[in-house]
Every structure is written in C-alpha cells, then in structure tokens.
N, C-alpha and C. Protein backbone atom coordinates (compact mmCIF):
# COMPACT_ATOMS: atom_id res chain seq x y z
N MET A 1 21.07 24.68 5.49
CA MET A 1 22.40 24.92 6.34
C MET A 1 22.06 26.04 7.44
N GLU A 2 22.76 25.83 8.62
CA GLU A 2 22.47 26.17 9.97
C GLU A 2 23.56 26.60 10.56
N SER A 3 23.59 27.42 11.60
CA SER A 3 24.73 28.23 12.07
C SER A 3 24.53 28.36 13.36
N ASN A 4 24.98 28.11 14.53
CA ASN A 4 24.15 28.60 15.82
C ASN A 4 25.42 29.36 16.39
N SER A 5 26.53 29.62 15.78
CA SER A 5 27.66 30.38 16.47
C SER A 5 27.68 31.80 16.25
N GLU A 6 28.46 32.48 16.62
CA GLU A 6 28.54 33.96 16.51
C GLU A 6 29.15 33.90 15.20
N PRO A 7 28.76 35.35 14.55
CA PRO A 7 29.24 35.67 13.14
C PRO A 7 31.04 35.83 13.44
N ILE A 8 31.95 35.26 12.44
CA ILE A 8 33.31 35.63 12.33
C ILE A 8 33.24 37.05 11.93
N ALA A 9 32.71 37.62 11.20
CA ALA A 9 32.76 39.01 10.52
C ALA A 9 31.12 39.29 10.06
N ILE A 10 31.44 40.77 10.65
CA ILE A 10 29.88 41.43 9.79
C ILE A 10 30.35 42.37 8.63
N ILE A 11 29.68 42.38 7.38
CA ILE A 11 29.95 43.25 6.51
C ILE A 11 28.96 43.81 6.22
N GLU A 12 29.51 45.33 6.17
CA GLU A 12 28.27 46.46 6.30
C GLU A 12 29.11 47.50 5.51
N ILE A 13 27.85 48.24 4.56
CA ILE A 13 28.19 49.30 3.91
C ILE A 13 27.71 50.70 4.67
N ASP A 14 28.24 51.54 4.18
CA ASP A 14 27.78 52.84 4.37
C ASP A 14 27.00 53.55 3.45
N ILE A 15 25.75 53.62 3.68
CA ILE A 15 24.89 53.92 2.72
C ILE A 15 24.92 55.36 2.31
N GLN A 16 25.68 56.18 3.00
CA GLN A 16 25.96 57.61 2.33
C GLN A 16 26.84 57.52 1.52
N LYS A 17 28.02 56.91 1.77
CA LYS A 17 29.49 56.96 0.72
C LYS A 17 29.11 56.09 -0.30
N VAL A 18 28.18 55.26 -0.51
CA VAL A 18 27.87 54.34 -1.48
C VAL A 18 26.95 55.23 -2.50
N ALA A 19 25.92 55.93 -1.86
CA ALA A 19 25.19 56.79 -2.58
C ALA A 19 26.00 57.82 -3.37
N TRP A 20 27.14 58.55 -2.84
CA TRP A 20 28.00 59.06 -3.19
C TRP A 20 29.01 58.92 -4.80
N GLN A 21 29.21 57.27 -4.08
CA GLN A 21 29.86 56.46 -5.15
C GLN A 21 29.03 56.30 -6.54
N ASN A 22 27.87 55.87 -5.94
CA ASN A 22 26.62 55.77 -7.15
C ASN A 22 26.73 56.76 -7.75
N LEU A 23 26.50 57.95 -7.39
CA LEU A 23 25.95 59.53 -7.99
C LEU A 23 27.54 59.52 -9.32
N LEU A 24 28.74 59.44 -8.60
CA LEU A 24 30.19 59.47 -9.36
C LEU A 24 29.92 58.65 -10.57
N LEU A 25 29.76 57.53 -10.10
CA LEU A 25 29.97 56.51 -11.05
C LEU A 25 28.70 56.45 -12.39
N THR A 26 27.52 56.77 -11.79
CA THR A 26 26.57 57.30 -12.57
C THR A 26 26.80 58.01 -13.58
N VAL A 27 27.30 59.18 -13.42
CA VAL A 27 27.82 60.29 -14.30
C VAL A 27 29.03 60.21 -15.15
N PHE A 28 29.62 59.09 -14.71
CA PHE A 28 30.91 58.81 -15.45
C PHE A 28 30.72 57.73 -16.40
N LEU A 29 29.77 56.62 -16.29
CA LEU A 29 29.48 55.85 -17.02
C LEU A 29 28.43 56.19 -18.24
N MET A 30 27.70 57.29 -17.82
CA MET A 30 26.83 57.88 -18.94
C MET A 30 27.34 58.70 -19.92
N ILE A 31 28.25 59.53 -19.67
CA ILE A 31 29.22 60.08 -20.31
C ILE A 31 30.12 58.95 -20.99
N ALA A 32 30.87 58.18 -20.35
CA ALA A 32 31.53 57.20 -20.91
C ALA A 32 30.67 56.47 -22.05
N PHE A 33 29.71 56.04 -21.55
CA PHE A 33 28.43 55.25 -22.65
C PHE A 33 28.48 55.76 -23.86
N PHE A 34 27.95 57.33 -23.27
CA PHE A 34 27.22 58.16 -24.76
C PHE A 34 28.55 58.27 -26.08
N PHE A 35 29.73 58.34 -25.41
CA PHE A 35 30.70 58.74 -26.29
C PHE A 35 31.54 57.61 -26.78
N ILE A 36 31.06 55.90 -26.34
CA ILE A 36 31.53 55.07 -27.10
C ILE A 36 30.26 54.68 -27.72
N ASN A 37 29.25 55.31 -27.70
CA ASN A 37 28.13 54.71 -28.64
C ASN A 37 28.11 55.87 -29.79
N ILE A 38 28.53 56.85 -29.60
CA ILE A 38 29.17 57.60 -30.71
C ILE A 38 30.29 57.34 -31.54
N PHE A 39 31.13 56.49 -31.18
CA PHE A 39 32.32 55.58 -31.48
C PHE A 39 31.98 54.47 -32.39
N ILE A 40 30.60 53.79 -31.65
CA ILE A 40 30.06 52.76 -32.21
C ILE A 40 29.56 52.95 -33.66
N HIS A 41 28.86 53.70 -33.62
CA HIS A 41 27.58 54.12 -35.02
C HIS A 41 28.52 55.30 -35.43
N HIS A 42 29.33 55.91 -35.52
CA HIS A 42 29.83 56.98 -36.30
C HIS A 42 28.65 57.98 -36.17
N ASP A 43 27.93 58.18 -35.30
CA ASP A 43 26.86 59.37 -35.46
C ASP A 43 26.94 60.39 -34.45
N PHE A 44 27.36 61.53 -34.94
CA PHE A 44 27.70 62.87 -34.52
C PHE A 44 26.40 63.49 -34.52
N THR A 45 25.75 63.14 -35.07
CA THR A 45 24.05 64.29 -34.89
C THR A 45 23.39 64.14 -33.94
N PHE A 46 22.83 65.35 -33.83
CA PHE A 46 21.67 65.04 -32.31
C PHE A 46 20.75 65.76 -33.02
N HIS A 47 19.15 65.12 -32.93
CA HIS A 47 18.14 65.21 -32.98
C HIS A 47 17.22 65.32 -31.49
N ILE A 48 17.11 66.44 -31.37
CA ILE A 48 16.42 66.94 -29.74
C ILE A 48 14.75 67.55 -30.09
N SER A 49 14.04 67.54 -29.76
CA SER A 49 12.82 68.33 -29.47
C SER A 49 12.25 67.80 -28.21
N ILE A 50 11.53 69.10 -27.82
CA ILE A 50 10.94 68.77 -26.44
C ILE A 50 10.03 67.66 -26.19
N SER A 51 9.23 67.25 -27.33
CA SER A 51 8.04 66.20 -26.78
C SER A 51 9.28 64.99 -27.17
N HIS A 52 10.07 64.70 -27.54
CA HIS A 52 10.90 63.93 -27.68
C HIS A 52 11.62 63.25 -26.30
N VAL A 53 11.98 64.56 -25.72
CA VAL A 53 13.01 64.63 -24.47
C VAL A 53 12.26 64.30 -23.42
N LEU A 54 10.87 64.61 -23.21
CA LEU A 54 9.99 64.59 -22.17
C LEU A 54 9.40 62.85 -22.55
N LEU A 55 9.29 62.33 -23.29
CA LEU A 55 8.82 61.12 -23.77
C LEU A 55 9.79 60.35 -23.35
N ASN A 56 11.23 60.70 -23.79
CA ASN A 56 12.39 59.57 -23.24
C ASN A 56 12.52 59.87 -21.76
N PHE A 57 12.38 60.87 -20.90
CA PHE A 57 12.49 60.84 -20.14
C PHE A 57 11.47 60.18 -18.84
N LEU A 58 9.99 60.08 -19.95
CA LEU A 58 8.81 59.34 -18.99
C LEU A 58 9.32 58.00 -18.92
N LEU A 59 9.77 57.62 -19.94
CA LEU A 59 10.15 56.08 -20.19
C LEU A 59 11.31 55.73 -19.59
N PHE A 60 12.31 56.84 -19.47
CA PHE A 60 13.62 56.30 -18.38
C PHE A 60 12.67 55.91 -16.78
N ILE A 61 12.09 57.09 -16.61
CA ILE A 61 11.80 56.70 -15.01
C ILE A 61 10.79 55.31 -14.67
N ILE A 62 9.80 55.10 -15.85
CA ILE A 62 9.25 54.13 -15.91
C ILE A 62 9.78 52.72 -16.07
N LEU A 63 10.95 52.84 -16.92
CA LEU A 63 11.76 51.46 -17.15
C LEU A 63 13.06 51.07 -16.05
N TYR A 64 13.48 52.35 -15.35
CA TYR A 64 14.29 52.27 -14.26
C TYR A 64 13.40 51.94 -12.90
N ILE A 65 12.14 52.10 -12.75
CA ILE A 65 11.54 51.58 -11.67
C ILE A 65 11.30 49.75 -12.16
N VAL A 66 11.10 49.73 -13.05
CA VAL A 66 11.10 48.30 -13.59
C VAL A 66 12.11 47.77 -13.47
N LEU A 67 13.31 48.08 -13.76
CA LEU A 67 14.68 47.46 -13.74
C LEU A 67 15.11 47.50 -12.10
N ILE A 68 14.84 48.32 -11.19
CA ILE A 68 15.33 48.44 -10.24
C ILE A 68 14.30 47.04 -9.45
N VAL A 69 12.95 47.08 -9.61
CA VAL A 69 12.25 45.60 -9.04
C VAL A 69 13.05 44.74 -9.48
N LEU A 70 13.43 44.45 -11.24
CA LEU A 70 13.98 43.40 -11.37
C LEU A 70 15.49 43.05 -10.82
N HIS A 71 16.19 44.19 -10.55
CA HIS A 71 17.41 43.76 -9.71
C HIS A 71 17.36 43.18 -8.64
N GLU A 72 16.20 43.77 -7.69
CA GLU A 72 16.27 42.71 -6.39
C GLU A 72 15.49 41.29 -6.75
N CYS A 73 14.54 41.03 -8.02
CA CYS A 73 14.26 40.06 -8.04
C CYS A 73 15.51 38.96 -8.48
N CYS A 74 16.44 39.64 -9.40
CA CYS A 74 17.42 38.98 -9.86
C CYS A 74 18.30 38.07 -8.34
N HIS A 75 18.44 39.23 -7.63
CA HIS A 75 19.07 38.72 -6.05
C HIS A 75 18.16 37.16 -5.48
N LEU A 76 16.71 37.53 -5.40
CA LEU A 76 16.09 36.40 -5.10
C LEU A 76 16.34 35.07 -5.86
N LEU A 77 16.22 35.33 -7.13
CA LEU A 77 16.56 34.42 -8.30
C LEU A 77 17.98 33.40 -8.11
N GLY A 78 18.91 34.44 -7.51
CA GLY A 78 20.03 34.13 -7.22
C GLY A 78 20.50 33.06 -6.02
N PHE A 79 19.34 33.73 -4.80
CA PHE A 79 19.15 32.63 -3.95
C PHE A 79 18.81 31.29 -3.98
N VAL A 80 17.58 31.42 -5.03
CA VAL A 80 17.18 29.93 -5.66
C VAL A 80 17.83 29.28 -6.01
N LEU A 81 18.24 29.96 -7.38
CA LEU A 81 19.38 28.91 -8.10
C LEU A 81 21.15 28.82 -7.56
N PHE A 82 21.43 29.71 -6.77
CA PHE A 82 23.04 29.25 -6.30
C PHE A 82 22.84 28.88 -5.04
N GLY A 83 21.94 29.19 -4.01
CA GLY A 83 21.90 28.63 -2.88
C GLY A 83 21.02 27.73 -2.54
N LYS A 84 20.04 27.30 -3.47
CA LYS A 84 19.12 26.32 -3.29
C LYS A 84 18.10 26.72 -2.00
N VAL A 85 17.91 27.98 -1.63
CA VAL A 85 17.16 28.00 -0.87
C VAL A 85 15.44 27.94 -0.93
N PRO A 86 14.55 27.46 -0.31
CA PRO A 86 13.15 27.28 -0.69
C PRO A 86 12.61 28.72 -0.78
N PHE A 87 11.43 29.02 -1.45
CA PHE A 87 10.83 30.14 -2.10
C PHE A 87 10.39 30.96 -0.62
N SER A 88 9.71 29.95 0.23
CA SER A 88 9.30 30.36 1.44
C SER A 88 10.16 31.40 2.26
N SER A 89 11.50 31.29 1.71
CA SER A 89 12.60 32.22 2.87
C SER A 89 12.93 33.34 2.14
N LEU A 90 12.29 33.45 0.90
CA LEU A 90 12.41 34.93 0.23
C LEU A 90 11.73 35.87 0.95
N LYS A 91 11.97 37.31 1.22
CA LYS A 91 11.61 38.20 1.33
C LYS A 91 11.95 39.48 0.58
N TYR A 92 11.09 40.43 -0.10
CA TYR A 92 11.24 41.55 -0.85
C TYR A 92 10.54 42.80 -0.25
N GLY A 93 11.38 44.02 -0.75
CA GLY A 93 10.19 45.08 -0.01
C GLY A 93 11.31 46.23 -0.47
N VAL A 94 10.82 47.35 0.25
CA VAL A 94 11.43 48.57 0.28
C VAL A 94 11.46 49.24 1.91
N ASN A 95 12.95 49.55 2.10
CA ASN A 95 13.03 49.92 3.19
C ASN A 95 13.27 51.46 3.18
N LEU A 96 12.16 52.10 3.44
CA LEU A 96 11.71 53.70 3.53
C LEU A 96 12.53 54.54 4.22
N LYS A 97 13.06 54.03 5.45
CA LYS A 97 14.07 54.57 6.33
C LYS A 97 15.09 55.15 5.52
N ILE A 98 15.83 53.91 4.77
CA ILE A 98 17.02 54.20 4.16
C ILE A 98 16.97 54.38 2.84
N GLY A 99 15.61 54.43 2.36
CA GLY A 99 15.51 54.50 1.14
C GLY A 99 15.95 53.37 -0.38
N VAL A 100 15.86 52.51 0.22
CA VAL A 100 16.19 51.54 -0.36
C VAL A 100 15.06 49.90 -1.10
N ALA A 101 15.19 49.46 -2.19
CA ALA A 101 14.77 48.22 -2.32
C ALA A 101 15.53 47.21 -1.78
N TYR A 102 14.77 46.19 -1.26
CA TYR A 102 15.59 44.81 -0.72
C TYR A 102 15.29 43.77 -1.14
N ALA A 103 16.11 42.49 -1.17
CA ALA A 103 15.70 41.14 -1.60
C ALA A 103 16.30 40.44 -0.35
N THR A 104 15.76 39.54 0.26
CA THR A 104 16.89 38.83 1.02
C THR A 104 16.52 37.44 1.12
N THR A 105 16.81 36.73 1.93
CA THR A 105 16.47 35.40 2.40
C THR A 105 16.60 35.00 3.93
N THR A 106 15.96 34.47 4.59
CA THR A 106 16.12 33.85 5.93
C THR A 106 16.92 32.55 6.02
N GLU A 107 17.37 32.17 4.95
CA GLU A 107 18.38 31.06 4.82
C GLU A 107 19.65 31.44 4.81
N LEU A 108 20.69 30.79 5.28
CA LEU A 108 22.20 30.82 5.41
C LEU A 108 22.49 30.43 3.90
N LEU A 109 23.36 31.26 3.17
CA LEU A 109 23.94 30.52 1.76
C LEU A 109 25.18 30.22 1.89
N SER A 110 26.04 29.46 1.26
CA SER A 110 27.41 29.65 1.11
C SER A 110 27.90 30.67 0.81
N ASN A 111 29.20 30.99 1.01
CA ASN A 111 29.86 32.00 0.48
C ASN A 111 29.81 32.21 -0.77
N LYS A 112 30.35 31.43 -1.44
CA LYS A 112 30.22 31.06 -3.12
C LYS A 112 28.69 31.61 -3.72
N ALA A 113 27.68 31.10 -3.17
CA ALA A 113 26.44 31.32 -3.57
C ALA A 113 25.87 32.52 -3.37
N MET A 114 26.50 33.04 -1.96
CA MET A 114 25.84 34.67 -2.05
C MET A 114 26.47 35.66 -3.03
N ARG A 115 27.76 35.17 -3.13
CA ARG A 115 28.44 36.19 -4.08
C ARG A 115 28.28 36.10 -5.35
N LYS A 116 27.53 34.88 -5.83
CA LYS A 116 26.98 34.50 -7.23
C LYS A 116 25.52 35.40 -6.97
N ALA A 117 25.05 35.55 -6.28
CA ALA A 117 23.59 36.15 -6.13
C ALA A 117 23.90 37.46 -6.10
N LEU A 118 24.67 38.02 -5.26
CA LEU A 118 25.11 39.49 -5.28
C LEU A 118 25.36 40.44 -6.74
N LEU A 119 26.01 39.58 -7.86
CA LEU A 119 26.30 40.02 -8.99
C LEU A 119 25.40 39.57 -9.94
N LEU A 120 24.52 38.70 -9.66
CA LEU A 120 23.12 38.30 -10.85
C LEU A 120 22.46 39.58 -11.38
N PRO A 121 22.21 40.41 -10.61
CA PRO A 121 21.88 41.39 -11.10
C PRO A 121 22.69 42.91 -12.00
N PHE A 122 23.67 42.78 -11.78
CA PHE A 122 24.69 43.33 -12.19
C PHE A 122 24.62 43.28 -13.62
N TRP A 123 24.65 41.85 -14.11
CA TRP A 123 24.46 41.37 -15.57
C TRP A 123 23.26 41.56 -16.23
N LEU A 124 22.24 40.79 -15.35
CA LEU A 124 20.98 41.07 -16.17
C LEU A 124 20.07 42.35 -16.19
N THR A 125 20.30 43.17 -15.04
CA THR A 125 19.68 44.56 -15.30
C THR A 125 20.50 45.91 -15.45
N GLY A 126 21.76 45.31 -15.60
CA GLY A 126 22.79 46.54 -15.90
C GLY A 126 23.47 46.42 -17.35
N VAL A 127 24.33 45.06 -17.04
CA VAL A 127 24.94 45.29 -18.72
C VAL A 127 23.92 44.66 -19.91
N ILE A 128 23.23 43.81 -19.59
CA ILE A 128 22.46 43.65 -20.62
C ILE A 128 21.36 44.77 -21.41
N PRO A 129 21.18 45.85 -20.16
CA PRO A 129 20.02 46.93 -21.30
C PRO A 129 21.26 47.77 -21.87
N ALA A 130 22.99 48.27 -21.20
CA ALA A 130 23.63 48.46 -22.02
C ALA A 130 23.85 48.28 -23.35
N VAL A 131 23.78 46.87 -23.42
CA VAL A 131 24.29 46.17 -24.40
C VAL A 131 23.39 46.42 -25.63
N ILE A 132 22.20 45.80 -25.14
CA ILE A 132 21.06 46.45 -26.08
C ILE A 132 20.91 47.69 -26.77
N GLY A 133 21.21 48.95 -25.59
CA GLY A 133 21.27 50.19 -25.99
C GLY A 133 22.21 50.48 -27.30
N PHE A 134 23.70 49.50 -26.82
CA PHE A 134 24.88 50.11 -27.95
C PHE A 134 24.40 49.16 -29.19
N MET A 135 23.59 48.19 -29.18
CA MET A 135 23.01 47.67 -30.50
C MET A 135 21.88 48.17 -31.06
N MET A 136 21.24 48.79 -30.75
CA MET A 136 20.07 49.55 -31.03
C MET A 136 20.42 51.07 -31.18
N ASP A 137 21.66 51.40 -30.70
CA ASP A 137 21.62 52.94 -30.82
C ASP A 137 20.84 53.61 -29.92
N SER A 138 20.56 53.37 -28.83
CA SER A 138 19.54 54.01 -27.89
C SER A 138 20.32 54.52 -26.78
N LYS A 139 20.17 55.94 -26.78
CA LYS A 139 20.64 56.45 -25.73
C LYS A 139 19.93 56.09 -24.20
N LEU A 140 18.65 55.84 -24.43
CA LEU A 140 17.66 55.40 -23.69
C LEU A 140 18.24 54.48 -22.68
N TRP A 141 18.38 53.21 -23.64
CA TRP A 141 18.88 51.88 -22.99
C TRP A 141 20.58 52.04 -22.43
N ILE A 142 20.76 52.95 -23.08
CA ILE A 142 22.04 52.81 -22.72
C ILE A 142 22.42 53.59 -21.25
N PHE A 143 21.55 54.62 -21.06
CA PHE A 143 21.81 55.82 -19.90
C PHE A 143 21.31 54.50 -18.81
N LEU A 144 20.08 53.78 -19.04
CA LEU A 144 19.31 52.97 -18.28
C LEU A 144 20.52 51.95 -17.38
N GLY A 145 21.52 51.40 -18.66
CA GLY A 145 22.04 50.47 -18.28
C GLY A 145 23.48 51.03 -17.27
N ALA A 146 23.56 52.18 -17.51
CA ALA A 146 24.54 53.24 -16.89
C ALA A 146 24.29 53.18 -15.66
N TRP A 147 22.74 53.53 -15.10
CA TRP A 147 22.56 53.93 -14.09
C TRP A 147 22.13 52.42 -13.24
N LEU A 148 21.89 51.80 -13.66
CA LEU A 148 21.76 50.32 -13.08
C LEU A 148 23.07 49.63 -12.76
N ILE A 149 24.40 49.47 -13.82
CA ILE A 149 25.52 49.00 -13.41
C ILE A 149 25.80 50.31 -12.25
N ALA A 150 25.78 51.41 -12.13
CA ALA A 150 26.48 51.98 -11.23
C ALA A 150 25.60 51.45 -9.95
N GLY A 151 24.27 51.45 -9.87
CA GLY A 151 23.50 50.87 -8.96
C GLY A 151 23.92 49.24 -8.17
N ALA A 152 24.44 48.87 -9.12
CA ALA A 152 24.99 47.68 -8.50
C ALA A 152 26.33 47.92 -7.52
N ILE A 153 26.74 49.36 -7.06
CA ILE A 153 27.67 49.30 -6.36
C ILE A 153 27.83 48.44 -5.30
N GLY A 154 27.00 48.78 -4.72
CA GLY A 154 26.71 48.43 -2.72
C GLY A 154 27.08 46.91 -3.33
N ASP A 155 26.41 46.17 -3.87
CA ASP A 155 26.48 44.85 -4.13
C ASP A 155 28.39 44.55 -4.59
N PHE A 156 28.87 45.14 -5.43
CA PHE A 156 30.13 45.28 -5.66
C PHE A 156 30.85 44.94 -4.44
N ILE A 157 30.90 45.85 -3.60
CA ILE A 157 31.35 46.18 -2.46
C ILE A 157 31.34 45.13 -1.37
N MET A 158 29.72 44.42 -1.34
CA MET A 158 29.70 43.38 -0.56
C MET A 158 30.86 42.08 -0.99
N TYR A 159 30.53 41.70 -2.26
CA TYR A 159 31.06 40.98 -3.39
C TYR A 159 32.82 40.85 -2.82
N ILE A 160 33.35 42.05 -2.89
CA ILE A 160 34.60 42.32 -2.69
C ILE A 160 35.17 41.65 -1.41
N LYS A 161 34.17 42.49 -0.39
CA LYS A 161 34.35 41.80 1.11
C LYS A 161 34.63 40.67 1.10
N LEU A 162 33.43 39.77 0.63
CA LEU A 162 33.59 38.35 1.25
C LEU A 162 34.24 37.36 0.26
N ARG A 163 35.19 37.83 -0.78
CA ARG A 163 36.18 37.44 -1.48
C ARG A 163 37.19 37.04 -0.52
N LYS A 164 37.66 37.80 0.73
CA LYS A 164 38.45 37.12 1.71
C LYS A 164 38.02 36.19 2.44
N TYR A 165 37.02 35.18 2.46
CA TYR A 165 36.57 34.56 3.19
C TYR A 165 36.43 32.99 2.06
N PRO A 166 36.67 31.75 2.64
CA PRO A 166 36.53 30.97 2.01
C PRO A 166 35.45 30.42 1.23
N LYS A 167 34.96 29.89 0.21
CA LYS A 167 33.58 29.86 -0.40
C LYS A 167 32.56 29.11 0.27
N GLN A 168 33.38 28.19 1.40
CA GLN A 168 32.23 27.31 1.61
C GLN A 168 31.98 27.97 2.95
N TYR A 169 32.17 28.93 3.73
CA TYR A 169 31.73 29.65 4.85
C TYR A 169 30.42 30.13 4.39
N LEU A 170 29.41 30.38 5.55
CA LEU A 170 28.21 30.65 5.20
C LEU A 170 27.95 32.30 5.40
N VAL A 171 26.88 32.52 4.79
CA VAL A 171 26.53 33.96 4.98
C VAL A 171 25.07 34.37 5.39
N ARG A 172 24.71 35.14 5.97
CA ARG A 172 23.52 35.31 6.64
C ARG A 172 23.19 36.92 6.03
N ASP A 173 21.91 37.02 5.24
CA ASP A 173 21.66 38.47 5.01
C ASP A 173 21.21 38.90 6.00
N ASP A 174 21.15 40.28 6.42
CA ASP A 174 20.43 41.34 7.24
C ASP A 174 19.17 41.69 6.75
N PRO A 175 17.99 41.13 7.07
CA PRO A 175 16.59 41.60 6.74
C PRO A 175 16.27 42.75 6.91
N ASN A 176 16.97 43.74 7.36
CA ASN A 176 16.59 45.37 7.47
C ASN A 176 17.78 46.00 6.85
N LEU A 177 18.74 45.44 7.09
CA LEU A 177 19.89 46.64 6.79
C LEU A 177 20.92 46.01 5.69
N PRO A 178 21.78 46.78 4.93
CA PRO A 178 22.40 46.22 4.03
C PRO A 178 23.95 45.95 4.60
N LYS A 179 23.67 44.69 5.03
CA LYS A 179 24.62 43.88 6.28
C LYS A 179 24.74 42.07 5.92
N LEU A 180 25.53 41.53 5.90
CA LEU A 180 26.26 40.52 5.82
C LEU A 180 26.46 39.89 7.23
N TYR A 181 26.59 38.72 7.59
CA TYR A 181 26.90 38.26 8.64
C TYR A 181 27.96 36.75 8.03
N VAL A 182 29.15 36.54 8.23
CA VAL A 182 29.63 35.60 7.86
C VAL A 182 30.19 34.49 8.80
N TYR A 183 29.65 33.32 8.67
CA TYR A 183 30.27 32.16 10.16
C TYR A 183 30.98 31.03 9.27
N LYS A 184 31.85 30.53 10.18
CA LYS A 184 32.51 29.29 9.63
C LYS A 184 31.68 28.38 9.69
N ASN A 185 31.80 27.41 8.44
CA ASN A 185 31.03 26.56 8.08
C ASN A 185 31.39 25.09 8.92
C-alpha cells in the first residue's frame, strides 16, 4: 500500500502524560488484582520472608523485561498477520531519548490492521499473564499482568484515536516517535 499525499491527521501521544496515566493505572490494577485474587482463592494469609521477597523481585524484573520485549514483538507479529507486511519492513529497538522500546514497520497499514496490531500485545503480554496469575494464585504473575496491561495505555490511546477514521484509511507508523500518520485510501 502506498500513499503519496499529505496525511489527513497526525496522532501523537504526550509521553509524560501517558507515563503518569501508566503509573496511576499500574497502582490501581495491582491493588485491584491483589484483592480479586484474594476473593477468588479465599486466601487471607500472608507468608513473607526476605529471601522470598528478593527472589520474587528479581524474577519480576527479569520477566518484566522479557514481557516488554515480547510486547514489542507482538506489534511486529500484528503488522505481519493483520497488515500483511513483509518481514524486511519491520524494525525493532529502544529509543533511549524518550526511554521506550519500539516496534514499527516502514509499510502503510489499513486502519483496521493497525488497530489490531496495537492491541495484540495487551492480550498476549498483559491479560494472559494476569489470567495465569489468577489461575495459579501467583502474585508475581498477577502483578506482571497489571504492569503490562497498564503499559499498553499508549497503545489504547492511539487505538481510540484511530477509531474515528474509516477502517480502510491508511496509517503510517513514525519510526522514531509515538506518532501515527493517517491517510485517505
């Protein structure tokens, strides 16, 4: 898909605003998920030891980094599955200036395909770990799910902004910034 015209809209998110929203949502979801888990398992006991806390903290950091990498890989997977872009168009990395990992494609996607690609990581790296945590009664996985669900807030903001455009419109992802360009097809 190609578009030689100027974009009809530019969708950009404010990183600082999203960071605050992410923080508030993360805290809310951690507390909510904690109490939902207590309700599900009827377990009001707490077993805390320093070695257990340190081990879980270390596991959390490692798994969180792995899930962030997988979050971005899910975007790439979405571009290929839903947008039918070639692998050669995919780019992945970390923007140290703004402190975010990113996944992008140099190809235009339909609005419908872009919206699906935006939300795929939410389901695979946020919801699934949370569900696993609830099923296993694992606070580690519940909290990972909460962090990754909240971490998808920027994707949700872009998804919501894209919903006002027809599904056949074309969308180009900015390779350097959290910004989308919308074109008439």
